[in-house]
Amino acid sequence: MYTLYHNNRCGKSRAALAALEQQQLAFTVVDYLKNPLTKKEVRDLLKLLNMDPFDLIRQKEPIFMEQFKGKNLSNEEWIAVLVQNPILMERPIIVSGNKATIARSPEKIMEALAK
């Protein structure tokens, strides 16, 4: 069973969704913009990704540039930023078991589906 953290407005996220559908794999979709993650869910996802919170942030998003660029926040503060501003989360993310992958390229999508 796979979980896709998905933003339908993102072409790379739609490509990951199409790959899951094409492979006819069992999966659930989490529309994290409509249903933002909790702090615990963000922490759990970061653990699966083996990443720090700042590494999960889309630094070219206007909201990041306007409000957060250059700020030196703690990991917990960055987690709070992600919870309050879900648009800042990198996507798509495919979770399989105890591993997660930011699947921004076709190669990363296939790597995630091979887990």
N, C-alpha and C. Protein backbone atom coordinates (compact mmCIF):
# COMPACT_ATOMS: atom_id res chain seq x y z
N MET A 1 0.84 -1.18 0.00
CA MET A 1 0.00 0.00 0.00
C MET A 1 0.88 1.24 0.00
N TYR A 2 0.58 2.16 -0.87
CA TYR A 2 1.32 3.41 -1.01
C TYR A 2 0.45 4.57 -0.55
N THR A 3 1.11 5.63 -0.14
CA THR A 3 0.44 6.89 0.15
C THR A 3 1.12 7.97 -0.68
N LEU A 4 0.31 8.77 -1.35
CA LEU A 4 0.81 9.87 -2.16
C LEU A 4 0.38 11.19 -1.53
N TYR A 5 1.36 12.00 -1.14
CA TYR A 5 1.08 13.36 -0.68
C TYR A 5 1.06 14.21 -1.93
N HIS A 6 -0.11 14.73 -2.25
CA HIS A 6 -0.42 15.21 -3.59
C HIS A 6 -0.94 16.64 -3.60
N ASN A 7 -0.51 17.39 -4.62
CA ASN A 7 -1.04 18.71 -4.92
C ASN A 7 -1.46 18.66 -6.38
N ASN A 8 -2.75 18.67 -6.63
CA ASN A 8 -3.26 18.51 -7.99
C ASN A 8 -2.82 19.62 -8.94
N ARG A 9 -2.41 20.77 -8.40
CA ARG A 9 -1.96 21.87 -9.27
C ARG A 9 -0.52 21.69 -9.73
N CYS A 10 0.16 20.68 -9.21
CA CYS A 10 1.56 20.44 -9.53
C CYS A 10 1.69 19.34 -10.59
N GLY A 11 2.33 19.66 -11.69
CA GLY A 11 2.50 18.68 -12.76
C GLY A 11 3.28 17.45 -12.32
N LYS A 12 4.30 17.62 -11.50
CA LYS A 12 5.09 16.48 -11.04
C LYS A 12 4.27 15.61 -10.11
N SER A 13 3.40 16.22 -9.34
CA SER A 13 2.52 15.46 -8.47
C SER A 13 1.49 14.68 -9.30
N ARG A 14 0.97 15.31 -10.33
CA ARG A 14 0.03 14.60 -11.21
C ARG A 14 0.71 13.44 -11.93
N ALA A 15 2.00 13.61 -12.27
CA ALA A 15 2.76 12.52 -12.91
C ALA A 15 2.92 11.35 -11.96
N ALA A 16 3.17 11.62 -10.68
CA ALA A 16 3.29 10.55 -9.70
C ALA A 16 1.97 9.82 -9.54
N LEU A 17 0.87 10.57 -9.50
CA LEU A 17 -0.46 9.96 -9.41
C LEU A 17 -0.72 9.07 -10.62
N ALA A 18 -0.39 9.56 -11.81
CA ALA A 18 -0.59 8.77 -13.02
C ALA A 18 0.24 7.49 -13.00
N ALA A 19 1.46 7.57 -12.48
CA ALA A 19 2.32 6.38 -12.40
C ALA A 19 1.71 5.34 -11.46
N LEU A 20 1.20 5.78 -10.32
CA LEU A 20 0.55 4.85 -9.39
C LEU A 20 -0.68 4.20 -10.05
N GLU A 21 -1.46 5.01 -10.76
CA GLU A 21 -2.64 4.48 -11.44
C GLU A 21 -2.25 3.51 -12.55
N GLN A 22 -1.23 3.87 -13.32
CA GLN A 22 -0.78 3.04 -14.43
C GLN A 22 -0.26 1.68 -13.94
N GLN A 23 0.42 1.69 -12.82
CA GLN A 23 0.95 0.44 -12.25
C GLN A 23 -0.14 -0.37 -11.56
N GLN A 24 -1.33 0.21 -11.44
CA GLN A 24 -2.46 -0.43 -10.78
C GLN A 24 -2.11 -0.86 -9.35
N LEU A 25 -1.45 0.04 -8.64
CA LEU A 25 -1.05 -0.22 -7.27
C LEU A 25 -2.10 0.31 -6.31
N ALA A 26 -2.19 -0.32 -5.14
CA ALA A 26 -3.10 0.16 -4.11
C ALA A 26 -2.46 1.37 -3.44
N PHE A 27 -3.21 2.47 -3.40
CA PHE A 27 -2.67 3.68 -2.79
C PHE A 27 -3.78 4.57 -2.28
N THR A 28 -3.41 5.45 -1.38
CA THR A 28 -4.30 6.50 -0.91
C THR A 28 -3.66 7.84 -1.27
N VAL A 29 -4.50 8.82 -1.47
CA VAL A 29 -4.03 10.16 -1.80
C VAL A 29 -4.31 11.08 -0.62
N VAL A 30 -3.31 11.81 -0.21
CA VAL A 30 -3.46 12.83 0.83
C VAL A 30 -3.32 14.19 0.14
N ASP A 31 -4.44 14.90 0.05
CA ASP A 31 -4.42 16.26 -0.49
C ASP A 31 -4.07 17.18 0.67
N TYR A 32 -2.78 17.39 0.86
CA TYR A 32 -2.30 18.09 2.05
C TYR A 32 -2.62 19.58 2.05
N LEU A 33 -3.05 20.12 0.91
CA LEU A 33 -3.47 21.52 0.90
C LEU A 33 -4.88 21.66 1.48
N LYS A 34 -5.75 20.70 1.16
CA LYS A 34 -7.12 20.72 1.69
C LYS A 34 -7.16 20.20 3.12
N ASN A 35 -6.28 19.26 3.44
CA ASN A 35 -6.23 18.65 4.77
C ASN A 35 -4.79 18.74 5.29
N PRO A 36 -4.41 19.92 5.78
CA PRO A 36 -3.02 20.10 6.23
C PRO A 36 -2.61 19.07 7.28
N LEU A 37 -1.34 18.73 7.24
CA LEU A 37 -0.80 17.76 8.18
C LEU A 37 -0.67 18.38 9.56
N THR A 38 -0.73 17.54 10.57
CA THR A 38 -0.47 17.98 11.94
C THR A 38 1.04 17.99 12.15
N LYS A 39 1.46 18.56 13.28
CA LYS A 39 2.89 18.54 13.61
C LYS A 39 3.39 17.11 13.71
N LYS A 40 2.62 16.24 14.32
CA LYS A 40 3.02 14.83 14.45
C LYS A 40 3.16 14.18 13.07
N GLU A 41 2.21 14.44 12.17
CA GLU A 41 2.28 13.86 10.83
C GLU A 41 3.50 14.37 10.07
N VAL A 42 3.81 15.66 10.22
CA VAL A 42 5.01 16.21 9.57
C VAL A 42 6.26 15.53 10.14
N ARG A 43 6.33 15.41 11.47
CA ARG A 43 7.49 14.74 12.10
C ARG A 43 7.62 13.30 11.60
N ASP A 44 6.50 12.58 11.53
CA ASP A 44 6.53 11.19 11.06
C ASP A 44 7.01 11.13 9.61
N LEU A 45 6.53 12.03 8.78
CA LEU A 45 6.94 12.06 7.38
C LEU A 45 8.43 12.39 7.25
N LEU A 46 8.90 13.34 8.04
CA LEU A 46 10.33 13.68 8.03
C LEU A 46 11.18 12.49 8.43
N LYS A 47 10.72 11.72 9.38
CA LYS A 47 11.46 10.53 9.81
C LYS A 47 11.55 9.52 8.66
N LEU A 48 10.43 9.33 7.95
CA LEU A 48 10.43 8.40 6.81
C LEU A 48 11.34 8.90 5.68
N LEU A 49 11.39 10.21 5.52
CA LEU A 49 12.23 10.81 4.48
C LEU A 49 13.69 10.92 4.91
N ASN A 50 13.92 10.81 6.22
CA ASN A 50 15.25 10.99 6.80
C ASN A 50 15.78 12.38 6.45
N MET A 51 14.94 13.40 6.74
CA MET A 51 15.26 14.78 6.41
C MET A 51 15.02 15.69 7.59
N ASP A 52 15.66 16.84 7.55
CA ASP A 52 15.35 17.92 8.48
C ASP A 52 14.18 18.72 7.90
N PRO A 53 13.41 19.39 8.75
CA PRO A 53 12.24 20.13 8.25
C PRO A 53 12.57 21.16 7.17
N PHE A 54 13.67 21.88 7.33
CA PHE A 54 14.01 22.92 6.35
C PHE A 54 14.21 22.32 4.96
N ASP A 55 14.70 21.07 4.89
CA ASP A 55 14.95 20.42 3.61
C ASP A 55 13.66 20.05 2.88
N LEU A 56 12.54 20.06 3.59
CA LEU A 56 11.25 19.72 2.99
C LEU A 56 10.53 20.97 2.46
N ILE A 57 11.12 22.12 2.69
CA ILE A 57 10.47 23.39 2.33
C ILE A 57 10.84 23.82 0.92
N ARG A 58 9.80 24.22 0.19
CA ARG A 58 9.98 24.76 -1.16
C ARG A 58 10.42 26.22 -1.03
N GLN A 59 11.70 26.45 -1.24
CA GLN A 59 12.27 27.75 -0.96
C GLN A 59 12.03 28.79 -2.06
N LYS A 60 11.44 28.38 -3.18
CA LYS A 60 11.16 29.33 -4.24
C LYS A 60 9.71 29.81 -4.22
N GLU A 61 8.91 29.26 -3.30
CA GLU A 61 7.52 29.69 -3.17
C GLU A 61 7.49 31.15 -2.71
N PRO A 62 6.59 31.96 -3.26
CA PRO A 62 6.51 33.37 -2.86
C PRO A 62 6.36 33.56 -1.35
N ILE A 63 5.55 32.73 -0.71
CA ILE A 63 5.35 32.90 0.73
C ILE A 63 6.66 32.68 1.50
N PHE A 64 7.49 31.75 1.03
CA PHE A 64 8.78 31.56 1.68
C PHE A 64 9.65 32.80 1.48
N MET A 65 9.72 33.26 0.25
CA MET A 65 10.56 34.42 -0.07
C MET A 65 10.13 35.66 0.73
N GLU A 66 8.82 35.83 0.88
CA GLU A 66 8.29 37.02 1.54
C GLU A 66 8.39 36.95 3.07
N GLN A 67 8.19 35.75 3.63
CA GLN A 67 8.05 35.67 5.08
C GLN A 67 9.17 34.93 5.82
N PHE A 68 9.87 34.03 5.13
CA PHE A 68 10.77 33.14 5.86
C PHE A 68 12.22 33.12 5.38
N LYS A 69 12.49 33.66 4.18
CA LYS A 69 13.85 33.63 3.65
C LYS A 69 14.81 34.33 4.61
N GLY A 70 15.91 33.64 4.90
CA GLY A 70 16.94 34.22 5.76
C GLY A 70 16.69 34.04 7.24
N LYS A 71 15.54 33.47 7.61
CA LYS A 71 15.25 33.26 9.03
C LYS A 71 15.95 32.01 9.52
N ASN A 72 16.46 32.08 10.72
CA ASN A 72 17.14 30.95 11.34
C ASN A 72 16.21 30.37 12.40
N LEU A 73 15.36 29.42 12.00
CA LEU A 73 14.38 28.84 12.90
C LEU A 73 14.83 27.46 13.35
N SER A 74 14.31 27.03 14.48
CA SER A 74 14.59 25.67 14.97
C SER A 74 13.80 24.66 14.13
N ASN A 75 14.13 23.39 14.25
CA ASN A 75 13.39 22.36 13.54
C ASN A 75 11.91 22.40 13.89
N GLU A 76 11.60 22.58 15.18
CA GLU A 76 10.19 22.64 15.59
C GLU A 76 9.49 23.86 15.00
N GLU A 77 10.20 24.96 14.89
CA GLU A 77 9.60 26.15 14.28
C GLU A 77 9.35 25.94 12.79
N TRP A 78 10.28 25.26 12.09
CA TRP A 78 10.07 24.96 10.67
C TRP A 78 8.90 24.00 10.50
N ILE A 79 8.75 23.05 11.41
CA ILE A 79 7.60 22.14 11.36
C ILE A 79 6.31 22.95 11.50
N ALA A 80 6.29 23.89 12.42
CA ALA A 80 5.11 24.75 12.58
C ALA A 80 4.83 25.55 11.31
N VAL A 81 5.88 26.03 10.66
CA VAL A 81 5.73 26.76 9.39
C VAL A 81 5.08 25.86 8.35
N LEU A 82 5.52 24.61 8.25
CA LEU A 82 4.94 23.66 7.29
C LEU A 82 3.47 23.38 7.60
N VAL A 83 3.14 23.26 8.87
CA VAL A 83 1.75 23.01 9.26
C VAL A 83 0.87 24.21 8.90
N GLN A 84 1.37 25.40 9.15
CA GLN A 84 0.59 26.61 8.89
C GLN A 84 0.57 27.00 7.42
N ASN A 85 1.57 26.55 6.65
CA ASN A 85 1.70 26.91 5.23
C ASN A 85 1.98 25.66 4.41
N PRO A 86 1.00 24.77 4.26
CA PRO A 86 1.26 23.49 3.59
C PRO A 86 1.77 23.63 2.15
N ILE A 87 1.51 24.77 1.51
CA ILE A 87 2.00 24.98 0.14
C ILE A 87 3.53 24.92 0.09
N LEU A 88 4.18 25.11 1.22
CA LEU A 88 5.64 25.11 1.26
C LEU A 88 6.24 23.71 1.23
N MET A 89 5.42 22.67 1.39
CA MET A 89 5.95 21.31 1.43
C MET A 89 6.30 20.81 0.03
N GLU A 90 7.50 20.25 -0.09
CA GLU A 90 7.91 19.63 -1.36
C GLU A 90 6.90 18.55 -1.75
N ARG A 91 6.76 18.36 -3.03
CA ARG A 91 5.83 17.35 -3.53
C ARG A 91 6.30 16.86 -4.87
N PRO A 92 5.79 15.74 -5.26
CA PRO A 92 4.97 14.78 -4.51
C PRO A 92 5.85 13.92 -3.61
N ILE A 93 5.22 13.37 -2.60
CA ILE A 93 5.91 12.42 -1.72
C ILE A 93 5.16 11.11 -1.79
N ILE A 94 5.91 10.05 -2.06
CA ILE A 94 5.34 8.71 -2.08
C ILE A 94 5.89 7.95 -0.88
N VAL A 95 4.97 7.39 -0.09
CA VAL A 95 5.35 6.60 1.08
C VAL A 95 4.99 5.14 0.80
N SER A 96 5.96 4.28 1.10
CA SER A 96 5.75 2.84 1.00
C SER A 96 6.38 2.20 2.23
N GLY A 97 5.54 1.64 3.09
CA GLY A 97 6.07 1.02 4.31
C GLY A 97 6.75 2.05 5.18
N ASN A 98 8.02 1.79 5.49
CA ASN A 98 8.76 2.70 6.37
C ASN A 98 9.75 3.57 5.59
N LYS A 99 9.47 3.80 4.32
CA LYS A 99 10.31 4.65 3.47
C LYS A 99 9.43 5.66 2.73
N ALA A 100 9.99 6.84 2.52
CA ALA A 100 9.31 7.87 1.75
C ALA A 100 10.31 8.49 0.78
N THR A 101 9.78 8.96 -0.36
CA THR A 101 10.61 9.55 -1.40
C THR A 101 9.92 10.81 -1.92
N ILE A 102 10.69 11.88 -2.06
CA ILE A 102 10.18 13.04 -2.80
C ILE A 102 10.36 12.68 -4.27
N ALA A 103 9.26 12.45 -4.94
CA ALA A 103 9.26 11.87 -6.28
C ALA A 103 9.06 12.94 -7.35
N ARG A 104 10.03 13.83 -7.48
CA ARG A 104 9.91 14.94 -8.42
C ARG A 104 10.32 14.58 -9.85
N SER A 105 10.99 13.46 -10.04
CA SER A 105 11.41 13.06 -11.38
C SER A 105 10.85 11.68 -11.68
N PRO A 106 10.75 11.32 -12.96
CA PRO A 106 10.29 9.97 -13.29
C PRO A 106 11.15 8.89 -12.63
N GLU A 107 12.45 9.15 -12.53
CA GLU A 107 13.35 8.17 -11.90
C GLU A 107 13.02 8.00 -10.42
N LYS A 108 12.76 9.11 -9.73
CA LYS A 108 12.42 9.04 -8.31
C LYS A 108 11.05 8.37 -8.11
N ILE A 109 10.12 8.59 -9.03
CA ILE A 109 8.82 7.91 -8.95
C ILE A 109 9.04 6.41 -9.05
N MET A 110 9.81 5.97 -10.03
CA MET A 110 10.06 4.54 -10.20
C MET A 110 10.81 3.96 -9.01
N GLU A 111 11.75 4.73 -8.47
CA GLU A 111 12.50 4.29 -7.29
C GLU A 111 11.53 4.08 -6.11
N ALA A 112 10.59 5.01 -5.94
CA ALA A 112 9.62 4.91 -4.84
C ALA A 112 8.71 3.71 -5.03
N LEU A 113 8.34 3.44 -6.27
CA LEU A 113 7.42 2.33 -6.54
C LEU A 113 8.11 0.98 -6.45
N ALA A 114 9.44 0.99 -6.50
CA ALA A 114 10.20 -0.27 -6.41
C ALA A 114 10.43 -0.68 -4.96
N LYS A 115 10.12 0.20 -4.01
CA LYS A 115 10.37 -0.10 -2.59
C LYS A 115 9.38 -1.07 -2.05
